[in-house]
């Protein structure tokens, strides 16, 4: 193999890796936004009246939208991993609420939006960890 073809292969691999990483960031940002929108919807549907939980749902929604925008604009490993941690924390909050309760509030996994929210958060976590790892490897 000539030096030129070796360089072209490396560039081709780099571009395909870049495309996959950007795609993962876009999908991850979309899943962060989806989680945020689910929480804003639930907040508007009545969770806003639950002591401490209501403000946390609102905060989760607002921060999620801002974070999704940051993931799309900045495309760094730091924001990708931050997004992954955000989704992990949100999933953990749901699982904690469904099992032992949070701030005196106990919900279940059979309530509306619990299962879709959990799927969005877990898939988003995996996608953003992969994107963050890919970005870190390029440093």
N, C-alpha and C. Protein backbone atom coordinates (compact mmCIF):
# COMPACT_ATOMS: atom_id res chain seq x y z
N UNK A 1 0.85 -1.16 0.00
CA UNK A 1 0.00 0.00 0.00
C UNK A 1 0.90 1.24 0.00
N UNK A 2 0.55 2.19 -0.84
CA UNK A 2 1.35 3.40 -0.92
C UNK A 2 1.00 4.32 0.24
N UNK A 3 1.87 5.25 0.47
CA UNK A 3 1.68 6.21 1.55
C UNK A 3 0.41 7.04 1.32
N UNK A 4 0.16 7.42 0.06
CA UNK A 4 -1.01 8.23 -0.28
C UNK A 4 -2.31 7.46 0.00
N UNK A 5 -2.35 6.16 -0.39
CA UNK A 5 -3.58 5.41 -0.15
C UNK A 5 -3.78 5.15 1.34
N UNK A 6 -2.69 4.99 2.08
CA UNK A 6 -2.79 4.84 3.53
C UNK A 6 -3.36 6.09 4.17
N UNK A 7 -2.94 7.25 3.69
CA UNK A 7 -3.45 8.53 4.21
C UNK A 7 -4.92 8.69 3.86
N UNK A 8 -5.30 8.31 2.63
CA UNK A 8 -6.70 8.40 2.23
C UNK A 8 -7.58 7.48 3.08
N UNK A 9 -7.09 6.28 3.38
CA UNK A 9 -7.85 5.37 4.24
C UNK A 9 -8.02 5.95 5.63
N UNK A 10 -6.97 6.57 6.16
CA UNK A 10 -7.05 7.18 7.49
C UNK A 10 -8.04 8.33 7.50
N UNK A 11 -8.02 9.15 6.44
CA UNK A 11 -8.96 10.26 6.34
C UNK A 11 -10.39 9.73 6.23
N UNK A 12 -10.58 8.69 5.43
CA UNK A 12 -11.90 8.09 5.27
C UNK A 12 -12.42 7.55 6.59
N UNK A 13 -11.58 6.84 7.35
CA UNK A 13 -11.98 6.33 8.66
C UNK A 13 -12.30 7.48 9.61
N UNK A 14 -11.50 8.53 9.55
CA UNK A 14 -11.70 9.68 10.43
C UNK A 14 -13.03 10.35 10.12
N UNK A 15 -13.34 10.52 8.83
CA UNK A 15 -14.60 11.16 8.44
C UNK A 15 -15.79 10.31 8.85
N UNK A 16 -15.71 8.99 8.63
CA UNK A 16 -16.84 8.15 9.00
C UNK A 16 -17.03 8.15 10.52
N UNK A 17 -15.92 8.17 11.26
CA UNK A 17 -16.01 8.28 12.72
C UNK A 17 -16.61 9.60 13.13
N UNK A 18 -16.25 10.66 12.43
CA UNK A 18 -16.80 11.98 12.74
C UNK A 18 -18.30 12.02 12.47
N UNK A 19 -18.72 11.43 11.36
CA UNK A 19 -20.14 11.42 11.02
C UNK A 19 -20.92 10.63 12.07
N UNK A 20 -20.40 9.49 12.49
CA UNK A 20 -21.07 8.69 13.51
C UNK A 20 -21.12 9.43 14.85
N UNK A 21 -20.03 10.11 15.18
CA UNK A 21 -20.01 10.85 16.45
C UNK A 21 -21.00 11.99 16.42
N UNK A 22 -21.04 12.74 15.33
CA UNK A 22 -22.00 13.84 15.21
C UNK A 22 -23.42 13.30 15.25
N UNK A 23 -23.66 12.18 14.56
CA UNK A 23 -25.00 11.57 14.60
C UNK A 23 -25.37 11.18 16.03
N UNK A 24 -24.42 10.61 16.76
CA UNK A 24 -24.68 10.23 18.15
C UNK A 24 -24.97 11.46 19.01
N UNK A 25 -24.26 12.54 18.76
CA UNK A 25 -24.52 13.78 19.50
C UNK A 25 -25.91 14.32 19.20
N UNK A 26 -26.31 14.27 17.93
CA UNK A 26 -27.64 14.76 17.55
C UNK A 26 -28.72 13.89 18.18
N UNK A 27 -28.56 12.58 18.10
CA UNK A 27 -29.53 11.66 18.71
C UNK A 27 -29.55 11.85 20.22
N UNK A 28 -28.37 11.94 20.83
CA UNK A 28 -28.28 12.14 22.28
C UNK A 28 -28.95 13.44 22.71
N UNK A 29 -28.70 14.52 21.96
CA UNK A 29 -29.33 15.80 22.28
C UNK A 29 -30.85 15.69 22.15
N UNK A 30 -31.31 14.97 21.14
CA UNK A 30 -32.74 14.77 20.97
C UNK A 30 -33.35 14.00 22.13
N UNK A 31 -32.62 13.01 22.64
CA UNK A 31 -33.12 12.24 23.77
C UNK A 31 -33.10 13.05 25.07
N UNK A 32 -32.10 13.90 25.23
CA UNK A 32 -32.08 14.82 26.38
C UNK A 32 -33.29 15.75 26.30
N UNK A 33 -33.54 16.30 25.11
CA UNK A 33 -34.70 17.18 24.93
C UNK A 33 -36.00 16.42 25.16
N UNK A 34 -36.08 15.17 24.70
CA UNK A 34 -37.30 14.37 24.92
C UNK A 34 -37.56 14.16 26.40
N UNK A 35 -36.51 13.84 27.15
CA UNK A 35 -36.66 13.68 28.60
C UNK A 35 -37.13 14.98 29.24
N UNK A 36 -36.54 16.07 28.81
CA UNK A 36 -36.92 17.38 29.35
C UNK A 36 -38.38 17.69 29.03
N UNK A 37 -38.80 17.42 27.80
CA UNK A 37 -40.18 17.70 27.41
C UNK A 37 -41.18 16.81 28.15
N UNK A 38 -40.81 15.57 28.39
CA UNK A 38 -41.68 14.69 29.19
C UNK A 38 -41.87 15.28 30.58
N UNK A 39 -40.79 15.75 31.19
CA UNK A 39 -40.89 16.31 32.54
C UNK A 39 -41.66 17.63 32.56
N UNK A 40 -41.48 18.45 31.53
CA UNK A 40 -42.25 19.69 31.45
C UNK A 40 -43.74 19.40 31.25
N UNK A 41 -44.04 18.39 30.45
CA UNK A 41 -45.44 17.98 30.25
C UNK A 41 -46.05 17.50 31.57
N UNK A 42 -45.32 16.65 32.27
CA UNK A 42 -45.83 16.15 33.55
C UNK A 42 -45.98 17.28 34.56
N UNK A 43 -45.04 18.20 34.56
CA UNK A 43 -45.13 19.36 35.45
C UNK A 43 -46.42 20.13 35.17
N UNK A 44 -46.69 20.37 33.87
CA UNK A 44 -47.89 21.13 33.49
C UNK A 44 -49.18 20.35 33.79
N UNK A 45 -49.10 19.02 33.77
CA UNK A 45 -50.29 18.18 34.00
C UNK A 45 -50.61 18.01 35.48
N UNK A 46 -49.80 18.54 36.36
CA UNK A 46 -50.15 18.46 37.78
C UNK A 46 -49.00 18.25 38.73
N UNK A 47 -47.85 17.81 38.24
CA UNK A 47 -46.73 17.60 39.14
C UNK A 47 -46.25 18.92 39.75
N UNK A 48 -46.60 20.04 39.13
CA UNK A 48 -46.20 21.35 39.66
C UNK A 48 -46.78 21.59 41.05
N UNK A 49 -47.82 20.87 41.40
CA UNK A 49 -48.46 21.05 42.70
C UNK A 49 -47.87 20.14 43.78
N UNK A 50 -46.92 19.30 43.43
CA UNK A 50 -46.32 18.40 44.41
C UNK A 50 -45.11 19.08 45.03
N UNK A 51 -45.14 19.19 46.35
CA UNK A 51 -44.08 19.87 47.10
C UNK A 51 -42.70 19.31 46.74
N UNK A 52 -41.78 20.16 46.41
CA UNK A 52 -40.40 19.87 46.02
C UNK A 52 -40.28 19.14 44.69
N UNK A 53 -41.15 18.21 44.41
CA UNK A 53 -41.07 17.46 43.16
C UNK A 53 -41.42 18.37 41.99
N UNK A 54 -42.44 19.19 42.15
CA UNK A 54 -42.86 20.11 41.08
C UNK A 54 -41.72 21.01 40.61
N UNK A 55 -41.08 21.74 41.52
CA UNK A 55 -39.96 22.57 41.09
C UNK A 55 -38.81 21.77 40.48
N UNK A 56 -38.58 20.56 40.97
CA UNK A 56 -37.52 19.73 40.39
C UNK A 56 -37.86 19.29 38.97
N UNK A 57 -39.14 18.99 38.70
CA UNK A 57 -39.55 18.64 37.33
C UNK A 57 -39.36 19.85 36.41
N UNK A 58 -39.72 21.02 36.88
CA UNK A 58 -39.54 22.23 36.08
C UNK A 58 -38.06 22.48 35.81
N UNK A 59 -37.24 22.36 36.85
CA UNK A 59 -35.80 22.54 36.70
C UNK A 59 -35.21 21.51 35.73
N UNK A 60 -35.64 20.26 35.86
CA UNK A 60 -35.16 19.20 34.97
C UNK A 60 -35.49 19.55 33.52
N UNK A 61 -36.69 20.06 33.28
CA UNK A 61 -37.11 20.42 31.93
C UNK A 61 -36.30 21.56 31.35
N UNK A 62 -36.13 22.61 32.12
CA UNK A 62 -35.41 23.79 31.64
C UNK A 62 -33.93 23.46 31.41
N UNK A 63 -33.32 22.79 32.37
CA UNK A 63 -31.90 22.41 32.22
C UNK A 63 -31.72 21.47 31.04
N UNK A 64 -32.65 20.53 30.86
CA UNK A 64 -32.55 19.59 29.75
C UNK A 64 -32.58 20.26 28.40
N UNK A 65 -33.47 21.23 28.22
CA UNK A 65 -33.53 21.96 26.95
C UNK A 65 -32.22 22.72 26.72
N UNK A 66 -31.73 23.39 27.75
CA UNK A 66 -30.47 24.12 27.62
C UNK A 66 -29.31 23.17 27.31
N UNK A 67 -29.28 22.04 27.96
CA UNK A 67 -28.21 21.07 27.75
C UNK A 67 -28.28 20.47 26.34
N UNK A 68 -29.47 20.18 25.86
CA UNK A 68 -29.61 19.65 24.49
C UNK A 68 -29.05 20.64 23.48
N UNK A 69 -29.34 21.91 23.68
CA UNK A 69 -28.81 22.95 22.78
C UNK A 69 -27.29 23.01 22.87
N UNK A 70 -26.76 22.94 24.08
CA UNK A 70 -25.30 22.97 24.26
C UNK A 70 -24.63 21.77 23.58
N UNK A 71 -25.24 20.60 23.68
CA UNK A 71 -24.68 19.40 23.04
C UNK A 71 -24.58 19.62 21.54
N UNK A 72 -25.63 20.18 20.95
CA UNK A 72 -25.64 20.42 19.50
C UNK A 72 -24.64 21.49 19.08
N UNK A 73 -24.52 22.53 19.87
CA UNK A 73 -23.65 23.65 19.49
C UNK A 73 -22.18 23.42 19.79
N UNK A 74 -21.87 22.86 20.95
CA UNK A 74 -20.48 22.75 21.38
C UNK A 74 -19.79 21.48 20.90
N UNK A 75 -20.51 20.39 20.87
CA UNK A 75 -19.99 19.10 20.39
C UNK A 75 -18.65 18.72 21.03
N UNK A 76 -18.58 18.83 22.34
CA UNK A 76 -17.36 18.44 23.07
C UNK A 76 -17.67 17.23 23.95
N UNK A 77 -16.61 16.55 24.34
CA UNK A 77 -16.79 15.38 25.20
C UNK A 77 -17.37 15.79 26.55
N UNK A 78 -17.05 16.99 27.01
CA UNK A 78 -17.54 17.44 28.31
C UNK A 78 -19.07 17.56 28.30
N UNK A 79 -19.62 18.19 27.27
CA UNK A 79 -21.08 18.33 27.25
C UNK A 79 -21.76 16.99 26.95
N UNK A 80 -21.11 16.13 26.17
CA UNK A 80 -21.69 14.80 25.90
C UNK A 80 -21.78 14.01 27.20
N UNK A 81 -20.71 14.00 27.97
CA UNK A 81 -20.71 13.27 29.24
C UNK A 81 -21.65 13.93 30.25
N UNK A 82 -21.71 15.26 30.23
CA UNK A 82 -22.66 15.96 31.10
C UNK A 82 -24.09 15.54 30.77
N UNK A 83 -24.39 15.45 29.48
CA UNK A 83 -25.72 14.98 29.05
C UNK A 83 -25.99 13.56 29.52
N UNK A 84 -24.98 12.70 29.41
CA UNK A 84 -25.14 11.31 29.86
C UNK A 84 -25.41 11.27 31.36
N UNK A 85 -24.67 12.05 32.12
CA UNK A 85 -24.87 12.08 33.58
C UNK A 85 -26.23 12.66 33.95
N UNK A 86 -26.65 13.65 33.21
CA UNK A 86 -27.99 14.24 33.41
C UNK A 86 -29.07 13.18 33.22
N UNK A 87 -28.96 12.40 32.14
CA UNK A 87 -29.94 11.35 31.89
C UNK A 87 -29.86 10.24 32.93
N UNK A 88 -28.66 9.89 33.33
CA UNK A 88 -28.50 8.86 34.37
C UNK A 88 -29.13 9.33 35.68
N UNK A 89 -28.91 10.59 36.02
CA UNK A 89 -29.48 11.14 37.25
C UNK A 89 -31.00 11.17 37.20
N UNK A 90 -31.53 11.50 36.04
CA UNK A 90 -32.98 11.54 35.88
C UNK A 90 -33.57 10.13 35.99
N UNK A 91 -32.93 9.16 35.36
CA UNK A 91 -33.40 7.76 35.46
C UNK A 91 -33.30 7.28 36.91
N UNK A 92 -32.22 7.61 37.57
CA UNK A 92 -32.05 7.22 38.97
C UNK A 92 -33.13 7.85 39.85
N UNK A 93 -33.46 9.11 39.57
CA UNK A 93 -34.53 9.77 40.31
C UNK A 93 -35.87 9.06 40.14
N UNK A 94 -36.16 8.65 38.90
CA UNK A 94 -37.39 7.92 38.65
C UNK A 94 -37.40 6.57 39.36
N UNK A 95 -36.30 5.84 39.27
CA UNK A 95 -36.23 4.53 39.92
C UNK A 95 -36.30 4.66 41.44
N UNK A 96 -35.69 5.70 41.98
CA UNK A 96 -35.75 5.93 43.42
C UNK A 96 -37.18 6.26 43.85
N UNK A 97 -37.83 7.11 43.06
CA UNK A 97 -39.22 7.47 43.36
C UNK A 97 -40.13 6.25 43.29
N UNK A 98 -39.85 5.35 42.36
CA UNK A 98 -40.69 4.17 42.17
C UNK A 98 -40.46 3.10 43.24
N UNK A 99 -39.32 3.17 43.91
CA UNK A 99 -39.01 2.12 44.90
C UNK A 99 -39.14 2.63 46.33
N UNK A 100 -38.28 3.55 46.72
CA UNK A 100 -38.28 3.99 48.12
C UNK A 100 -38.91 5.36 48.33
N UNK A 101 -39.11 6.11 47.23
CA UNK A 101 -39.69 7.44 47.34
C UNK A 101 -38.63 8.53 47.42
N UNK A 102 -39.04 9.73 47.07
CA UNK A 102 -38.15 10.91 47.09
C UNK A 102 -38.90 12.05 47.75
N UNK A 103 -38.32 12.63 48.78
CA UNK A 103 -38.91 13.77 49.49
C UNK A 103 -40.36 13.49 49.90
N UNK A 104 -40.61 12.29 50.34
CA UNK A 104 -41.95 11.92 50.78
C UNK A 104 -42.91 11.60 49.64
N UNK A 105 -42.44 11.62 48.41
CA UNK A 105 -43.28 11.32 47.25
C UNK A 105 -42.89 9.95 46.71
N UNK A 106 -43.89 9.11 46.51
CA UNK A 106 -43.65 7.75 46.00
C UNK A 106 -44.50 7.56 44.75
N UNK A 107 -43.85 7.32 43.64
CA UNK A 107 -44.52 7.08 42.37
C UNK A 107 -44.22 5.65 41.95
N UNK A 108 -44.79 5.18 40.91
CA UNK A 108 -44.50 3.83 40.43
C UNK A 108 -44.06 3.86 38.98
N UNK A 109 -43.62 2.73 38.49
CA UNK A 109 -43.24 2.63 37.08
C UNK A 109 -44.45 2.42 36.17
N UNK A 110 -45.62 2.26 36.78
CA UNK A 110 -46.83 2.06 35.99
C UNK A 110 -47.59 3.37 35.74
N UNK A 111 -47.05 4.50 36.19
CA UNK A 111 -47.71 5.78 35.96
C UNK A 111 -47.44 6.23 34.52
N UNK A 112 -48.31 7.09 33.98
CA UNK A 112 -48.09 7.57 32.61
C UNK A 112 -46.70 8.20 32.44
N UNK A 113 -46.07 7.89 31.37
CA UNK A 113 -44.78 8.42 30.93
C UNK A 113 -43.58 7.84 31.67
N UNK A 114 -43.77 7.00 32.67
CA UNK A 114 -42.61 6.46 33.40
C UNK A 114 -41.77 5.55 32.50
N UNK A 115 -42.40 4.59 31.86
CA UNK A 115 -41.65 3.65 31.01
C UNK A 115 -41.00 4.34 29.82
N UNK A 116 -41.74 5.19 29.07
CA UNK A 116 -41.07 5.88 27.96
C UNK A 116 -39.92 6.77 28.43
N UNK A 117 -40.12 7.43 29.56
CA UNK A 117 -39.06 8.28 30.10
C UNK A 117 -37.82 7.46 30.43
N UNK A 118 -38.01 6.34 31.06
CA UNK A 118 -36.89 5.48 31.43
C UNK A 118 -36.14 4.97 30.20
N UNK A 119 -36.87 4.59 29.17
CA UNK A 119 -36.24 4.12 27.93
C UNK A 119 -35.44 5.26 27.29
N UNK A 120 -36.04 6.43 27.19
CA UNK A 120 -35.36 7.60 26.61
C UNK A 120 -34.07 7.89 27.37
N UNK A 121 -34.14 7.86 28.68
CA UNK A 121 -32.98 8.21 29.50
C UNK A 121 -31.88 7.17 29.42
N UNK A 122 -32.23 5.91 29.42
CA UNK A 122 -31.20 4.86 29.35
C UNK A 122 -30.55 4.79 27.97
N UNK A 123 -31.35 4.88 26.91
CA UNK A 123 -30.79 4.88 25.56
C UNK A 123 -29.92 6.13 25.36
N UNK A 124 -30.42 7.26 25.79
CA UNK A 124 -29.66 8.51 25.67
C UNK A 124 -28.35 8.44 26.42
N UNK A 125 -28.35 7.83 27.59
CA UNK A 125 -27.13 7.67 28.37
C UNK A 125 -26.09 6.90 27.57
N UNK A 126 -26.49 5.77 27.01
CA UNK A 126 -25.56 4.93 26.25
C UNK A 126 -25.03 5.68 25.02
N UNK A 127 -25.91 6.35 24.30
CA UNK A 127 -25.51 7.08 23.08
C UNK A 127 -24.53 8.20 23.43
N UNK A 128 -24.81 8.95 24.48
CA UNK A 128 -23.93 10.09 24.82
C UNK A 128 -22.61 9.63 25.43
N UNK A 129 -22.60 8.51 26.15
CA UNK A 129 -21.33 7.98 26.63
C UNK A 129 -20.47 7.57 25.43
N UNK A 130 -21.08 6.93 24.45
CA UNK A 130 -20.34 6.52 23.25
C UNK A 130 -19.80 7.73 22.50
N UNK A 131 -20.63 8.76 22.35
CA UNK A 131 -20.19 9.98 21.67
C UNK A 131 -19.08 10.66 22.45
N UNK A 132 -19.24 10.74 23.76
CA UNK A 132 -18.20 11.36 24.59
C UNK A 132 -16.89 10.59 24.53
N UNK A 133 -16.96 9.28 24.55
CA UNK A 133 -15.75 8.46 24.47
C UNK A 133 -15.07 8.66 23.11
N UNK A 134 -15.86 8.72 22.06
CA UNK A 134 -15.30 8.96 20.72
C UNK A 134 -14.61 10.32 20.65
N UNK A 135 -15.22 11.33 21.22
CA UNK A 135 -14.62 12.66 21.22
C UNK A 135 -13.35 12.70 22.08
N UNK A 136 -13.37 12.00 23.20
CA UNK A 136 -12.18 11.96 24.06
C UNK A 136 -11.02 11.26 23.36
N UNK A 137 -11.33 10.22 22.59
CA UNK A 137 -10.29 9.47 21.89
C UNK A 137 -9.61 10.31 20.82
N UNK A 138 -10.27 11.31 20.34
CA UNK A 138 -9.71 12.16 19.28
C UNK A 138 -8.83 13.27 19.82
N UNK A 139 -8.82 13.46 21.09
CA UNK A 139 -8.04 14.55 21.70
C UNK A 139 -6.57 14.29 21.59
